[in-house]
């Protein structure tokens, strides 16, 4: 359970404090971005055996080579209810993917609502329109996650960023 909590909460907790970086200082967001970059480097290092204990804390099996292969909620739901696998050789289940989609949609909507409130910058989209776009992005990210091509810790955020920029707005 510890690995799922670390994996599920690490980025959302960082995103909660992002609006507090000064908008008047043009470099503050770049300085803030060093936090996830340093975290990424630490996780890559742990995946290669360079960080004692971290690999065991964030992987599902405890093997340091398997760094957070399942996203938090997909892992939790998939382990508990994941009886229907996508393919016979797949470790990923339909139920885990549905958990991923629901959790990603709810977390994204909550963060966008929070950012709109804290920054006084609404997305410019109505509630149902925004929810439909976020759900669509989450479905595509769920498909990317189940594709098992490349490292889903990179492919899913890239897909979500590109789609989010296109469907919700780059300038937001």
Protein backbone atom coordinates (compact mmCIF):
# COMPACT_ATOMS: atom_id res chain seq x y z
CA UNK A 1 0.00 0.00 0.00
CA UNK A 2 2.93 2.35 0.70
CA UNK A 3 4.12 2.26 -2.93
CA UNK A 4 0.63 3.05 -4.25
CA UNK A 5 0.31 6.08 -1.94
CA UNK A 6 3.73 7.41 -2.90
CA UNK A 7 2.99 6.93 -6.59
CA UNK A 8 -0.55 8.31 -6.41
CA UNK A 9 0.14 11.40 -4.29
CA UNK A 10 3.64 12.60 -5.24
CA UNK A 11 2.72 14.74 -8.25
CA UNK A 12 -0.71 15.98 -7.05
CA UNK A 13 0.86 17.23 -3.82
CA UNK A 14 3.44 19.19 -5.81
CA UNK A 15 0.76 20.54 -8.15
CA UNK A 16 -1.24 21.86 -5.20
CA UNK A 17 1.54 24.34 -4.36
CA UNK A 18 2.35 25.38 -7.95
CA UNK A 19 0.03 28.46 -7.88
CA UNK A 20 1.90 29.86 -4.90
CA UNK A 21 4.99 30.57 -6.97
CA UNK A 22 5.05 34.24 -7.84
CA UNK A 23 3.49 35.18 -11.15
CA UNK A 24 5.39 38.47 -11.07
CA UNK A 25 8.79 36.74 -11.18
CA UNK A 26 9.24 35.29 -14.69
CA UNK A 27 11.77 32.72 -13.43
CA UNK A 28 9.83 31.31 -10.47
CA UNK A 29 8.01 28.64 -12.52
CA UNK A 30 11.34 27.47 -13.94
CA UNK A 31 12.77 27.22 -10.44
CA UNK A 32 9.66 25.32 -9.32
CA UNK A 33 10.00 22.97 -12.29
CA UNK A 34 13.36 21.82 -10.94
CA UNK A 35 11.50 19.91 -8.19
CA UNK A 36 9.86 17.33 -10.52
CA UNK A 37 13.01 17.21 -12.65
CA UNK A 38 15.11 16.36 -9.58
CA UNK A 39 12.48 13.79 -8.55
CA UNK A 40 12.58 12.24 -12.03
CA UNK A 41 16.37 11.98 -11.86
CA UNK A 42 16.15 10.37 -8.42
CA UNK A 43 13.62 7.81 -9.66
CA UNK A 44 15.71 6.98 -12.75
CA UNK A 45 18.73 6.54 -10.49
CA UNK A 46 16.73 4.29 -8.16
CA UNK A 47 15.57 2.22 -11.13
CA UNK A 48 19.20 1.49 -11.93
CA UNK A 49 19.94 0.42 -8.37
CA UNK A 50 21.52 3.71 -7.29
CA UNK A 51 19.06 4.64 -4.54
CA UNK A 52 18.68 2.12 -1.73
CA UNK A 53 15.09 1.58 -0.67
CA UNK A 54 13.43 4.03 -3.08
CA UNK A 55 13.01 1.40 -5.79
CA UNK A 56 11.33 -0.90 -3.31
CA UNK A 57 9.07 1.90 -2.09
CA UNK A 58 7.67 2.92 -5.48
CA UNK A 59 7.60 -0.34 -7.44
CA UNK A 60 4.86 -2.93 -7.24
CA UNK A 61 7.06 -5.98 -6.77
CA UNK A 62 9.93 -4.39 -4.85
CA UNK A 63 12.26 -4.93 -7.82
CA UNK A 64 14.23 -1.73 -8.40
CA UNK A 65 14.15 -2.32 -12.18
CA UNK A 66 10.34 -2.08 -12.16
CA UNK A 67 9.83 1.57 -11.30
CA UNK A 68 6.18 2.42 -10.76
CA UNK A 69 4.99 0.39 -13.75
CA UNK A 70 1.34 0.84 -12.77
CA UNK A 71 -0.16 4.18 -11.97
CA UNK A 72 -1.44 4.46 -8.42
CA UNK A 73 -5.15 3.90 -8.80
CA UNK A 74 -4.77 1.50 -11.73
CA UNK A 75 -2.51 -0.56 -9.53
CA UNK A 76 -4.84 -0.50 -6.52
CA UNK A 77 -7.99 -1.33 -8.51
CA UNK A 78 -6.21 -3.75 -10.82
CA UNK A 79 -4.73 -5.78 -7.97
CA UNK A 80 -8.03 -5.97 -6.12
CA UNK A 81 -10.54 -6.40 -8.95
CA UNK A 82 -8.42 -6.96 -12.08
CA UNK A 83 -9.70 -10.30 -13.29
CA UNK A 84 -10.06 -9.35 -16.97
CA UNK A 85 -6.68 -8.83 -18.64
CA UNK A 86 -6.34 -6.86 -21.86
CA UNK A 87 -4.24 -9.61 -23.44
CA UNK A 88 -3.29 -13.06 -22.15
CA UNK A 89 0.32 -11.99 -21.54
CA UNK A 90 -0.61 -8.58 -20.11
CA UNK A 91 -0.26 -7.62 -16.48
CA UNK A 92 -2.76 -4.79 -17.01
CA UNK A 93 -6.47 -5.29 -16.51
CA UNK A 94 -9.61 -3.65 -17.84
CA UNK A 95 -10.64 -2.87 -14.26
CA UNK A 96 -7.28 -1.21 -13.51
CA UNK A 97 -7.58 0.92 -16.64
CA UNK A 98 -11.09 1.99 -15.65
CA UNK A 99 -9.73 2.92 -12.19
CA UNK A 100 -7.01 4.93 -13.92
CA UNK A 101 -9.52 6.77 -16.14
CA UNK A 102 -11.90 7.63 -13.28
CA UNK A 103 -9.13 8.69 -10.88
CA UNK A 104 -7.30 10.72 -13.55
CA UNK A 105 -10.52 12.47 -14.58
CA UNK A 106 -11.51 13.33 -11.01
CA UNK A 107 -8.01 14.47 -10.01
CA UNK A 108 -7.62 16.61 -13.13
CA UNK A 109 -11.02 18.24 -12.67
CA UNK A 110 -10.24 18.90 -9.00
CA UNK A 111 -6.84 20.44 -9.84
CA UNK A 112 -8.28 22.60 -12.65
CA UNK A 113 -11.04 23.83 -10.32
CA UNK A 114 -8.47 24.51 -7.60
CA UNK A 115 -6.20 26.42 -10.03
CA UNK A 116 -9.14 28.45 -11.32
CA UNK A 117 -10.03 29.41 -7.75
CA UNK A 118 -6.50 30.15 -6.53
CA UNK A 119 -5.32 32.02 -9.63
CA UNK A 120 -8.67 33.63 -10.57
CA UNK A 121 -8.11 32.33 -14.12
CA UNK A 122 -11.05 30.20 -15.26
CA UNK A 123 -10.50 27.69 -18.07
CA UNK A 124 -13.11 29.40 -20.20
CA UNK A 125 -15.01 26.14 -20.62
CA UNK A 126 -18.38 25.24 -19.12
CA UNK A 127 -18.56 22.53 -16.47
CA UNK A 128 -19.85 19.70 -18.68
CA UNK A 129 -17.66 20.71 -21.62
CA UNK A 130 -14.58 20.74 -19.41
CA UNK A 131 -15.57 17.41 -17.80
CA UNK A 132 -16.09 15.78 -21.22
CA UNK A 133 -12.72 17.01 -22.50
CA UNK A 134 -10.90 15.86 -19.35
CA UNK A 135 -12.64 12.47 -19.52
CA UNK A 136 -11.65 12.13 -23.18
CA UNK A 137 -8.04 12.97 -22.37
CA UNK A 138 -8.10 10.43 -19.54
CA UNK A 139 -9.48 7.72 -21.84
CA UNK A 140 -6.71 8.34 -24.39
CA UNK A 141 -4.11 8.33 -21.59
CA UNK A 142 -5.60 5.06 -20.33
CA UNK A 143 -5.19 3.57 -23.81
CA UNK A 144 -1.58 4.82 -23.97
CA UNK A 145 -0.95 3.30 -20.54
CA UNK A 146 -2.28 -0.12 -21.59
CA UNK A 147 -0.34 -0.12 -24.86
CA UNK A 148 2.78 -1.20 -22.94
CA UNK A 149 4.97 0.60 -25.46
CA UNK A 150 7.76 2.52 -23.78
CA UNK A 151 7.69 3.65 -20.17
CA UNK A 152 4.16 4.73 -19.24
CA UNK A 153 5.61 7.16 -16.70
CA UNK A 154 6.74 9.20 -19.73
CA UNK A 155 4.26 8.30 -22.49
CA UNK A 156 1.11 9.01 -20.43
CA UNK A 157 2.18 12.52 -19.25
CA UNK A 158 3.31 13.42 -22.78
CA UNK A 159 -0.03 12.31 -24.25
CA UNK A 160 -1.95 14.14 -21.50
CA UNK A 161 0.05 17.33 -21.95
CA UNK A 162 -0.36 17.43 -25.73
CA UNK A 163 -4.09 16.64 -25.60
CA UNK A 164 -4.67 18.98 -22.66
CA UNK A 165 -2.93 21.83 -24.46
CA UNK A 166 -4.99 21.22 -27.58
CA UNK A 167 -8.39 20.56 -25.96
CA UNK A 168 -8.22 22.79 -22.87
CA UNK A 169 -5.81 25.47 -23.99
CA UNK A 170 -2.07 26.03 -23.97
CA UNK A 171 -2.31 29.54 -22.56
CA UNK A 172 -4.53 28.59 -19.65
